[in-house]
Amino acid sequence: MADYDLGNLTVLIVDDYQPMRVIMKNVLYALGIKDITEAGSGEDALKILQTNEMDIVFADNLMEPMNGVDMVRKIRAGEGDINAFTPIIMVSGYSDIGHIMEARDAGINEFLAKPVSAKLIYLRICSVIENPRSFVNSDEFFGPDRRRRPLEIDGEERRDDDYDYNQHKRSPNRAT
């Protein structure tokens, strides 16, 4: 893992619990990130994302009235002028496999379990930088490829070329 100058990143923190936003903002600031925007709800985050390009979104899962998973689905649907490819790191106190899979299936890039630490936040940011994931666009899913390791197949490779998942633009009218 390399040391990165994170000073040019723009980050959105989405959490309905203001003290958690303060903690996240202080940690990100200590990591060198100065351009930090906060949203107290999923709805506010969507409004911000329609007019502001963010490099990374940190989003809590349990928010009212719109939870983090629903917000991620709307981002991935590209509603309005939102960049559907924005990296999203889900932050949650619920780190059981069911919540992680639900967030993954909504289209997050990374998952960060609470309580957070500066080191874990930095590692998730590094993961987004060092391991950009191809996006998958199908009838059922749009988001980063959910596979974490390559599938090993016995036998001869029969494809002429590897498929480029990023070659097709998303349909703007896709339902969520």
N, C-alpha and C. Protein backbone atom coordinates (compact mmCIF):
# COMPACT_ATOMS: atom_id res chain seq x y z
N MET A 1 0.85 -1.17 0.00
CA MET A 1 0.00 0.00 0.00
C MET A 1 0.89 1.23 0.00
N ALA A 2 0.61 2.13 -0.92
CA ALA A 2 1.38 3.36 -1.05
C ALA A 2 0.82 4.44 -0.13
N ASP A 3 1.66 5.42 0.14
CA ASP A 3 1.18 6.61 0.84
C ASP A 3 0.66 7.57 -0.21
N TYR A 4 -0.56 8.03 -0.03
CA TYR A 4 -1.18 8.92 -1.00
C TYR A 4 -1.37 10.31 -0.43
N ASP A 5 -1.23 11.29 -1.30
CA ASP A 5 -1.61 12.66 -0.96
C ASP A 5 -3.10 12.76 -1.30
N LEU A 6 -3.94 12.79 -0.28
CA LEU A 6 -5.39 12.79 -0.49
C LEU A 6 -5.97 14.20 -0.54
N GLY A 7 -5.09 15.20 -0.57
CA GLY A 7 -5.53 16.58 -0.49
C GLY A 7 -6.44 17.05 -1.61
N ASN A 8 -6.41 16.40 -2.75
CA ASN A 8 -7.25 16.83 -3.87
C ASN A 8 -8.59 16.10 -3.96
N LEU A 9 -8.83 15.18 -3.05
CA LEU A 9 -10.10 14.44 -3.08
C LEU A 9 -11.26 15.30 -2.60
N THR A 10 -12.41 15.08 -3.21
CA THR A 10 -13.66 15.67 -2.72
C THR A 10 -14.50 14.53 -2.16
N VAL A 11 -14.95 14.70 -0.93
CA VAL A 11 -15.63 13.62 -0.22
C VAL A 11 -16.97 14.10 0.32
N LEU A 12 -17.97 13.24 0.21
CA LEU A 12 -19.28 13.49 0.80
C LEU A 12 -19.50 12.48 1.92
N ILE A 13 -19.84 13.00 3.10
CA ILE A 13 -20.18 12.16 4.25
C ILE A 13 -21.68 12.22 4.43
N VAL A 14 -22.34 11.06 4.42
CA VAL A 14 -23.79 11.01 4.56
C VAL A 14 -24.12 10.20 5.82
N ASP A 15 -24.67 10.87 6.81
CA ASP A 15 -25.05 10.21 8.06
C ASP A 15 -26.05 11.09 8.77
N ASP A 16 -27.13 10.50 9.26
CA ASP A 16 -28.14 11.30 9.96
C ASP A 16 -27.75 11.59 11.40
N TYR A 17 -26.66 11.01 11.87
CA TYR A 17 -26.19 11.22 13.23
C TYR A 17 -25.02 12.21 13.17
N GLN A 18 -25.28 13.44 13.55
CA GLN A 18 -24.30 14.52 13.40
C GLN A 18 -22.97 14.23 14.09
N PRO A 19 -22.93 13.66 15.31
CA PRO A 19 -21.62 13.37 15.91
C PRO A 19 -20.76 12.41 15.07
N MET A 20 -21.39 11.48 14.36
CA MET A 20 -20.62 10.58 13.50
C MET A 20 -20.05 11.34 12.31
N ARG A 21 -20.82 12.28 11.77
CA ARG A 21 -20.30 13.11 10.68
C ARG A 21 -19.07 13.89 11.14
N VAL A 22 -19.12 14.40 12.37
CA VAL A 22 -17.99 15.15 12.92
C VAL A 22 -16.76 14.25 13.05
N ILE A 23 -16.96 13.03 13.56
CA ILE A 23 -15.84 12.09 13.68
C ILE A 23 -15.23 11.80 12.32
N MET A 24 -16.08 11.46 11.35
CA MET A 24 -15.59 11.15 10.00
C MET A 24 -14.87 12.35 9.40
N LYS A 25 -15.45 13.53 9.56
CA LYS A 25 -14.83 14.73 8.99
C LYS A 25 -13.47 14.99 9.62
N ASN A 26 -13.36 14.83 10.93
CA ASN A 26 -12.08 15.04 11.60
C ASN A 26 -11.03 14.04 11.15
N VAL A 27 -11.42 12.79 10.98
CA VAL A 27 -10.47 11.77 10.51
C VAL A 27 -10.04 12.08 9.08
N LEU A 28 -10.99 12.39 8.21
CA LEU A 28 -10.65 12.69 6.82
C LEU A 28 -9.76 13.92 6.73
N TYR A 29 -10.06 14.91 7.55
CA TYR A 29 -9.24 16.12 7.58
C TYR A 29 -7.82 15.78 8.02
N ALA A 30 -7.69 14.92 9.03
CA ALA A 30 -6.36 14.50 9.50
C ALA A 30 -5.61 13.71 8.43
N LEU A 31 -6.33 13.05 7.53
CA LEU A 31 -5.70 12.32 6.43
C LEU A 31 -5.33 13.24 5.27
N GLY A 32 -5.64 14.53 5.40
CA GLY A 32 -5.26 15.50 4.38
C GLY A 32 -6.38 15.93 3.46
N ILE A 33 -7.57 15.38 3.64
CA ILE A 33 -8.70 15.73 2.78
C ILE A 33 -9.34 16.99 3.33
N LYS A 34 -9.41 18.02 2.50
CA LYS A 34 -9.94 19.31 2.95
C LYS A 34 -11.32 19.62 2.36
N ASP A 35 -11.60 19.06 1.18
CA ASP A 35 -12.87 19.35 0.50
C ASP A 35 -13.90 18.29 0.92
N ILE A 36 -14.56 18.56 2.04
CA ILE A 36 -15.49 17.60 2.64
C ILE A 36 -16.87 18.25 2.74
N THR A 37 -17.87 17.57 2.21
CA THR A 37 -19.25 18.03 2.28
C THR A 37 -20.02 17.05 3.14
N GLU A 38 -20.98 17.55 3.90
CA GLU A 38 -21.78 16.70 4.77
C GLU A 38 -23.25 16.74 4.35
N ALA A 39 -23.92 15.61 4.51
CA ALA A 39 -25.36 15.52 4.30
C ALA A 39 -25.95 14.74 5.46
N GLY A 40 -27.06 15.24 6.00
CA GLY A 40 -27.71 14.60 7.13
C GLY A 40 -28.76 13.58 6.75
N SER A 41 -28.96 13.38 5.45
CA SER A 41 -29.95 12.40 5.00
C SER A 41 -29.59 11.93 3.59
N GLY A 42 -30.17 10.80 3.21
CA GLY A 42 -29.99 10.31 1.85
C GLY A 42 -30.54 11.27 0.82
N GLU A 43 -31.67 11.89 1.14
CA GLU A 43 -32.28 12.84 0.22
C GLU A 43 -31.37 14.04 -0.01
N ASP A 44 -30.79 14.57 1.08
CA ASP A 44 -29.86 15.70 0.95
C ASP A 44 -28.64 15.30 0.13
N ALA A 45 -28.16 14.09 0.34
CA ALA A 45 -27.00 13.61 -0.42
C ALA A 45 -27.29 13.56 -1.91
N LEU A 46 -28.47 13.08 -2.28
CA LEU A 46 -28.83 13.01 -3.70
C LEU A 46 -28.88 14.40 -4.32
N LYS A 47 -29.41 15.37 -3.57
CA LYS A 47 -29.44 16.76 -4.07
C LYS A 47 -28.02 17.28 -4.28
N ILE A 48 -27.15 17.02 -3.33
CA ILE A 48 -25.76 17.47 -3.44
C ILE A 48 -25.08 16.82 -4.64
N LEU A 49 -25.30 15.52 -4.83
CA LEU A 49 -24.65 14.79 -5.91
C LEU A 49 -25.17 15.19 -7.29
N GLN A 50 -26.35 15.79 -7.36
CA GLN A 50 -26.86 16.24 -8.66
C GLN A 50 -26.11 17.46 -9.17
N THR A 51 -25.50 18.21 -8.26
CA THR A 51 -24.81 19.43 -8.67
C THR A 51 -23.32 19.44 -8.34
N ASN A 52 -22.84 18.41 -7.65
CA ASN A 52 -21.44 18.36 -7.25
C ASN A 52 -20.85 16.99 -7.54
N GLU A 53 -19.72 16.97 -8.19
CA GLU A 53 -19.00 15.73 -8.47
C GLU A 53 -18.15 15.39 -7.25
N MET A 54 -18.31 14.19 -6.72
CA MET A 54 -17.53 13.75 -5.56
C MET A 54 -16.61 12.60 -5.98
N ASP A 55 -15.44 12.55 -5.35
CA ASP A 55 -14.52 11.45 -5.61
C ASP A 55 -14.90 10.21 -4.83
N ILE A 56 -15.42 10.40 -3.61
CA ILE A 56 -15.83 9.28 -2.76
C ILE A 56 -17.01 9.72 -1.91
N VAL A 57 -17.95 8.80 -1.71
CA VAL A 57 -19.06 9.02 -0.79
C VAL A 57 -18.95 8.00 0.34
N PHE A 58 -18.95 8.50 1.58
CA PHE A 58 -19.07 7.64 2.76
C PHE A 58 -20.51 7.74 3.21
N ALA A 59 -21.22 6.62 3.27
CA ALA A 59 -22.64 6.65 3.60
C ALA A 59 -22.98 5.67 4.71
N ASP A 60 -23.71 6.17 5.71
CA ASP A 60 -24.23 5.31 6.76
C ASP A 60 -25.36 4.47 6.17
N ASN A 61 -25.60 3.31 6.74
CA ASN A 61 -26.68 2.47 6.25
C ASN A 61 -28.01 2.80 6.90
N LEU A 62 -28.03 2.88 8.23
CA LEU A 62 -29.29 3.11 8.94
C LEU A 62 -29.57 4.60 9.08
N MET A 63 -30.33 5.13 8.15
CA MET A 63 -30.75 6.52 8.18
C MET A 63 -32.25 6.55 7.94
N GLU A 64 -32.86 7.61 8.36
CA GLU A 64 -34.29 7.84 8.12
C GLU A 64 -34.46 9.14 7.36
N PRO A 65 -35.41 9.27 6.49
CA PRO A 65 -36.36 8.25 6.05
C PRO A 65 -35.80 7.32 4.97
N MET A 66 -34.74 7.73 4.27
CA MET A 66 -34.14 6.88 3.25
C MET A 66 -32.87 6.26 3.81
N ASN A 67 -32.79 4.92 3.81
CA ASN A 67 -31.58 4.29 4.32
C ASN A 67 -30.46 4.34 3.28
N GLY A 68 -29.26 3.96 3.72
CA GLY A 68 -28.10 4.04 2.85
C GLY A 68 -28.19 3.15 1.63
N VAL A 69 -28.76 1.96 1.80
CA VAL A 69 -28.89 1.04 0.67
C VAL A 69 -29.79 1.63 -0.41
N ASP A 70 -30.92 2.21 -0.01
CA ASP A 70 -31.81 2.83 -1.00
C ASP A 70 -31.13 4.02 -1.68
N MET A 71 -30.34 4.78 -0.92
CA MET A 71 -29.62 5.90 -1.49
C MET A 71 -28.60 5.40 -2.53
N VAL A 72 -27.89 4.32 -2.20
CA VAL A 72 -26.91 3.76 -3.14
C VAL A 72 -27.61 3.31 -4.42
N ARG A 73 -28.76 2.69 -4.29
CA ARG A 73 -29.51 2.25 -5.49
C ARG A 73 -29.87 3.43 -6.37
N LYS A 74 -30.27 4.54 -5.76
CA LYS A 74 -30.62 5.73 -6.54
C LYS A 74 -29.38 6.33 -7.20
N ILE A 75 -28.26 6.32 -6.50
CA ILE A 75 -27.02 6.81 -7.11
C ILE A 75 -26.65 5.94 -8.30
N ARG A 76 -26.69 4.63 -8.12
CA ARG A 76 -26.33 3.72 -9.21
C ARG A 76 -27.31 3.80 -10.38
N ALA A 77 -28.54 4.22 -10.10
CA ALA A 77 -29.52 4.39 -11.18
C ALA A 77 -29.24 5.67 -11.97
N GLY A 78 -28.35 6.52 -11.45
CA GLY A 78 -27.99 7.75 -12.15
C GLY A 78 -29.12 8.75 -12.21
N GLU A 79 -29.94 8.80 -11.16
CA GLU A 79 -31.07 9.73 -11.16
C GLU A 79 -30.59 11.16 -11.30
N GLY A 80 -31.32 11.94 -12.08
CA GLY A 80 -30.92 13.32 -12.31
C GLY A 80 -29.58 13.34 -13.03
N ASP A 81 -28.70 14.20 -12.59
CA ASP A 81 -27.37 14.29 -13.18
C ASP A 81 -26.31 13.65 -12.29
N ILE A 82 -26.70 12.68 -11.49
CA ILE A 82 -25.77 12.03 -10.57
C ILE A 82 -24.84 11.09 -11.34
N ASN A 83 -23.56 11.15 -11.02
CA ASN A 83 -22.58 10.24 -11.61
C ASN A 83 -22.74 8.86 -10.97
N ALA A 84 -23.28 7.93 -11.71
CA ALA A 84 -23.56 6.59 -11.18
C ALA A 84 -22.30 5.79 -10.87
N PHE A 85 -21.14 6.27 -11.33
CA PHE A 85 -19.88 5.57 -11.12
C PHE A 85 -19.13 6.05 -9.88
N THR A 86 -19.71 6.97 -9.12
CA THR A 86 -19.05 7.51 -7.93
C THR A 86 -18.74 6.39 -6.93
N PRO A 87 -17.50 6.28 -6.47
CA PRO A 87 -17.18 5.26 -5.47
C PRO A 87 -17.93 5.52 -4.16
N ILE A 88 -18.52 4.46 -3.61
CA ILE A 88 -19.30 4.57 -2.38
C ILE A 88 -18.76 3.57 -1.35
N ILE A 89 -18.46 4.09 -0.17
CA ILE A 89 -18.03 3.26 0.95
C ILE A 89 -19.15 3.29 1.98
N MET A 90 -19.78 2.15 2.21
CA MET A 90 -20.86 2.04 3.19
C MET A 90 -20.24 1.90 4.57
N VAL A 91 -20.73 2.72 5.51
CA VAL A 91 -20.27 2.68 6.90
C VAL A 91 -21.45 2.25 7.75
N SER A 92 -21.28 1.18 8.52
CA SER A 92 -22.42 0.67 9.27
C SER A 92 -21.99 -0.04 10.55
N GLY A 93 -22.82 0.10 11.56
CA GLY A 93 -22.63 -0.65 12.79
C GLY A 93 -23.16 -2.07 12.67
N TYR A 94 -23.89 -2.33 11.61
CA TYR A 94 -24.44 -3.66 11.36
C TYR A 94 -23.56 -4.34 10.32
N SER A 95 -22.65 -5.17 10.81
CA SER A 95 -21.67 -5.77 9.91
C SER A 95 -21.87 -7.28 9.73
N ASP A 96 -23.09 -7.74 9.97
CA ASP A 96 -23.37 -9.15 9.71
C ASP A 96 -23.43 -9.37 8.21
N ILE A 97 -23.30 -10.61 7.81
CA ILE A 97 -23.21 -10.94 6.39
C ILE A 97 -24.43 -10.47 5.61
N GLY A 98 -25.61 -10.51 6.22
CA GLY A 98 -26.82 -10.07 5.52
C GLY A 98 -26.77 -8.59 5.15
N HIS A 99 -26.37 -7.74 6.09
CA HIS A 99 -26.27 -6.31 5.81
C HIS A 99 -25.16 -6.01 4.80
N ILE A 100 -24.05 -6.72 4.91
CA ILE A 100 -22.95 -6.51 3.97
C ILE A 100 -23.37 -6.90 2.56
N MET A 101 -24.04 -8.05 2.43
CA MET A 101 -24.47 -8.50 1.10
C MET A 101 -25.53 -7.58 0.51
N GLU A 102 -26.44 -7.08 1.36
CA GLU A 102 -27.45 -6.15 0.87
C GLU A 102 -26.80 -4.88 0.33
N ALA A 103 -25.81 -4.37 1.05
CA ALA A 103 -25.10 -3.17 0.60
C ALA A 103 -24.30 -3.46 -0.67
N ARG A 104 -23.64 -4.61 -0.70
CA ARG A 104 -22.89 -5.01 -1.89
C ARG A 104 -23.80 -5.12 -3.10
N ASP A 105 -24.96 -5.73 -2.90
CA ASP A 105 -25.90 -5.93 -4.00
C ASP A 105 -26.55 -4.62 -4.45
N ALA A 106 -26.53 -3.60 -3.61
CA ALA A 106 -27.04 -2.29 -4.00
C ALA A 106 -26.02 -1.55 -4.86
N GLY A 107 -24.73 -1.91 -4.72
CA GLY A 107 -23.71 -1.31 -5.58
C GLY A 107 -22.60 -0.55 -4.88
N ILE A 108 -22.33 -0.87 -3.60
CA ILE A 108 -21.23 -0.18 -2.93
C ILE A 108 -19.89 -0.68 -3.46
N ASN A 109 -18.85 0.12 -3.26
CA ASN A 109 -17.50 -0.30 -3.61
C ASN A 109 -16.81 -1.00 -2.45
N GLU A 110 -17.01 -0.46 -1.24
CA GLU A 110 -16.36 -0.99 -0.05
C GLU A 110 -17.32 -0.90 1.13
N PHE A 111 -17.04 -1.70 2.16
CA PHE A 111 -17.84 -1.69 3.38
C PHE A 111 -16.90 -1.43 4.55
N LEU A 112 -17.32 -0.56 5.46
CA LEU A 112 -16.53 -0.20 6.63
C LEU A 112 -17.41 -0.36 7.86
N ALA A 113 -17.02 -1.28 8.75
CA ALA A 113 -17.81 -1.54 9.95
C ALA A 113 -17.45 -0.54 11.05
N LYS A 114 -18.48 -0.07 11.75
CA LYS A 114 -18.26 0.78 12.92
C LYS A 114 -17.91 -0.11 14.10
N PRO A 115 -17.11 0.33 15.04
CA PRO A 115 -16.51 1.65 15.11
C PRO A 115 -15.37 1.78 14.09
N VAL A 116 -15.22 2.97 13.54
CA VAL A 116 -14.21 3.23 12.52
C VAL A 116 -12.92 3.70 13.19
N SER A 117 -11.85 3.57 12.44
CA SER A 117 -10.56 4.11 12.88
C SER A 117 -9.94 4.82 11.69
N ALA A 118 -9.00 5.70 11.95
CA ALA A 118 -8.33 6.42 10.87
C ALA A 118 -7.65 5.43 9.92
N LYS A 119 -7.05 4.39 10.48
CA LYS A 119 -6.36 3.40 9.65
C LYS A 119 -7.34 2.69 8.72
N LEU A 120 -8.48 2.26 9.25
CA LEU A 120 -9.46 1.54 8.41
C LEU A 120 -10.05 2.45 7.34
N ILE A 121 -10.31 3.70 7.69
CA ILE A 121 -10.82 4.64 6.69
C ILE A 121 -9.79 4.82 5.58
N TYR A 122 -8.54 5.01 5.96
CA TYR A 122 -7.46 5.17 4.98
C TYR A 122 -7.35 3.93 4.10
N LEU A 123 -7.43 2.75 4.71
CA LEU A 123 -7.32 1.51 3.93
C LEU A 123 -8.46 1.38 2.92
N ARG A 124 -9.68 1.79 3.29
CA ARG A 124 -10.80 1.71 2.34
C ARG A 124 -10.59 2.71 1.19
N ILE A 125 -10.10 3.89 1.51
CA ILE A 125 -9.80 4.87 0.45
C ILE A 125 -8.73 4.31 -0.48
N CYS A 126 -7.68 3.73 0.09
CA CYS A 126 -6.62 3.13 -0.72
C CYS A 126 -7.17 2.01 -1.60
N SER A 127 -8.08 1.22 -1.08
CA SER A 127 -8.68 0.14 -1.86
C SER A 127 -9.43 0.69 -3.07
N VAL A 128 -10.16 1.78 -2.87
CA VAL A 128 -10.88 2.40 -3.98
C VAL A 128 -9.89 2.92 -5.04
N ILE A 129 -8.77 3.48 -4.58
CA ILE A 129 -7.76 4.02 -5.49
C ILE A 129 -7.00 2.90 -6.21
N GLU A 130 -6.54 1.92 -5.45
CA GLU A 130 -5.65 0.89 -5.99
C GLU A 130 -6.38 -0.24 -6.72
N ASN A 131 -7.62 -0.46 -6.38
CA ASN A 131 -8.36 -1.58 -6.97
C ASN A 131 -9.68 -1.12 -7.58
N PRO A 132 -9.62 -0.25 -8.58
CA PRO A 132 -10.88 0.17 -9.20
C PRO A 132 -11.56 -1.04 -9.83
N ARG A 133 -12.84 -1.16 -9.60
CA ARG A 133 -13.55 -2.33 -10.08
C ARG A 133 -14.37 -1.98 -11.32
N SER A 134 -14.35 -2.88 -12.27
CA SER A 134 -15.18 -2.70 -13.46
C SER A 134 -16.64 -2.66 -13.04
N PHE A 135 -17.43 -1.91 -13.80
CA PHE A 135 -18.86 -1.84 -13.51
C PHE A 135 -19.61 -2.83 -14.38
N VAL A 136 -20.59 -3.44 -13.78
CA VAL A 136 -21.44 -4.42 -14.45
C VAL A 136 -22.79 -3.75 -14.71
N ASN A 137 -23.29 -3.90 -15.93
CA ASN A 137 -24.58 -3.33 -16.29
C ASN A 137 -25.45 -4.45 -16.84
N SER A 138 -26.42 -4.87 -16.03
CA SER A 138 -27.35 -5.91 -16.47
C SER A 138 -28.76 -5.47 -16.12
N ASP A 139 -29.73 -6.28 -16.46
CA ASP A 139 -31.12 -5.94 -16.14
C ASP A 139 -31.36 -5.88 -14.64
N GLU A 140 -30.62 -6.68 -13.88
CA GLU A 140 -30.85 -6.76 -12.44
C GLU A 140 -29.88 -5.94 -11.60
N PHE A 141 -28.76 -5.50 -12.18
CA PHE A 141 -27.72 -4.87 -11.37
C PHE A 141 -26.91 -3.88 -12.18
N PHE A 142 -26.61 -2.75 -11.55
CA PHE A 142 -25.61 -1.83 -12.08
C PHE A 142 -24.73 -1.40 -10.93
N GLY A 143 -23.46 -1.63 -11.06
CA GLY A 143 -22.53 -1.23 -10.01
C GLY A 143 -21.21 -1.93 -10.19
N PRO A 144 -20.32 -1.74 -9.20
CA PRO A 144 -19.01 -2.38 -9.29
C PRO A 144 -19.13 -3.90 -9.28
N ASP A 145 -18.27 -4.53 -10.04
CA ASP A 145 -18.25 -5.99 -10.07
C ASP A 145 -18.13 -6.50 -8.64
N ARG A 146 -19.05 -7.37 -8.25
CA ARG A 146 -19.11 -7.84 -6.87
C ARG A 146 -18.09 -8.92 -6.56
N ARG A 147 -17.48 -9.47 -7.59
CA ARG A 147 -16.49 -10.53 -7.35
C ARG A 147 -15.20 -9.92 -6.81
N ARG A 148 -14.65 -10.54 -5.79
CA ARG A 148 -13.43 -10.05 -5.16
C ARG A 148 -12.18 -10.77 -5.65
N ARG A 149 -12.34 -11.94 -6.19
CA ARG A 149 -11.18 -12.66 -6.70
C ARG A 149 -11.57 -13.30 -8.03
N PRO A 150 -10.58 -13.47 -8.90
CA PRO A 150 -10.90 -14.05 -10.21
C PRO A 150 -11.36 -15.49 -10.08
N LEU A 151 -12.28 -15.84 -10.89
CA LEU A 151 -12.79 -17.21 -10.93
C LEU A 151 -11.81 -18.06 -11.73
N GLU A 152 -11.33 -19.10 -11.11
CA GLU A 152 -10.40 -19.99 -11.80
C GLU A 152 -11.18 -21.10 -12.47
N ILE A 153 -10.94 -21.26 -13.75
CA ILE A 153 -11.65 -22.25 -14.54
C ILE A 153 -10.63 -23.21 -15.14
N ASP A 154 -10.88 -24.49 -14.96
CA ASP A 154 -10.02 -25.49 -15.59
C ASP A 154 -10.40 -25.58 -17.06
N GLY A 155 -9.42 -25.65 -17.89
CA GLY A 155 -9.70 -25.80 -19.31
C GLY A 155 -9.13 -24.67 -20.12
N GLU A 156 -9.32 -24.80 -21.41
CA GLU A 156 -8.77 -23.86 -22.36
C GLU A 156 -9.64 -22.60 -22.46
N GLU A 157 -8.99 -21.45 -22.60
CA GLU A 157 -9.70 -20.18 -22.81
C GLU A 157 -10.26 -20.19 -24.23
N ARG A 158 -11.58 -19.98 -24.37
CA ARG A 158 -12.21 -20.05 -25.67
C ARG A 158 -12.67 -18.70 -26.20
N ARG A 159 -12.61 -17.67 -25.36
CA ARG A 159 -13.03 -16.36 -25.84
C ARG A 159 -11.93 -15.75 -26.70
N ASP A 160 -12.36 -14.98 -27.70
CA ASP A 160 -11.40 -14.26 -28.53
C ASP A 160 -10.79 -13.10 -27.76
N ASP A 161 -11.63 -12.36 -27.03
CA ASP A 161 -11.19 -11.20 -26.26
C ASP A 161 -11.92 -11.19 -24.93
N ASP A 162 -11.29 -10.56 -23.95
CA ASP A 162 -11.99 -10.34 -22.69
C ASP A 162 -13.06 -9.29 -22.91
N TYR A 163 -14.19 -9.46 -22.26
CA TYR A 163 -15.29 -8.50 -22.37
C TYR A 163 -14.96 -7.25 -21.57
N ASP A 164 -15.16 -6.09 -22.16
CA ASP A 164 -14.92 -4.81 -21.47
C ASP A 164 -16.26 -4.32 -20.93
N TYR A 165 -16.44 -4.47 -19.61
CA TYR A 165 -17.69 -4.08 -18.97
C TYR A 165 -17.91 -2.58 -19.02
N ASN A 166 -16.86 -1.81 -19.21
CA ASN A 166 -16.99 -0.35 -19.21
C ASN A 166 -17.27 0.21 -20.60
N GLN A 167 -17.41 -0.65 -21.61
CA GLN A 167 -17.58 -0.16 -22.96
C GLN A 167 -18.98 0.40 -23.24
N HIS A 168 -19.95 0.00 -22.46
CA HIS A 168 -21.32 0.44 -22.70
C HIS A 168 -21.73 1.49 -21.69
N LYS A 169 -22.40 2.51 -22.15
CA LYS A 169 -22.95 3.53 -21.25
C LYS A 169 -24.25 3.00 -20.69
N ARG A 170 -24.55 3.44 -19.47
CA ARG A 170 -25.80 3.06 -18.83
C ARG A 170 -26.98 3.71 -19.52
N SER A 171 -28.08 3.03 -19.51
CA SER A 171 -29.32 3.60 -19.99
C SER A 171 -29.86 4.56 -18.94
N PRO A 172 -30.10 5.84 -19.30
CA PRO A 172 -30.56 6.79 -18.29
C PRO A 172 -31.97 6.52 -17.80
N ASN A 173 -32.73 5.70 -18.51
CA ASN A 173 -34.13 5.45 -18.13
C ASN A 173 -34.30 4.15 -17.38
N ARG A 174 -33.21 3.59 -16.89
CA ARG A 174 -33.27 2.31 -16.20
C ARG A 174 -34.00 2.42 -14.87
N ALA A 175 -34.89 1.51 -14.61
CA ALA A 175 -35.64 1.52 -13.35
C ALA A 175 -34.75 1.04 -12.22
N THR A 176 -35.07 1.50 -11.00
CA THR A 176 -34.28 1.08 -9.84
C THR A 176 -34.90 -0.12 -9.18
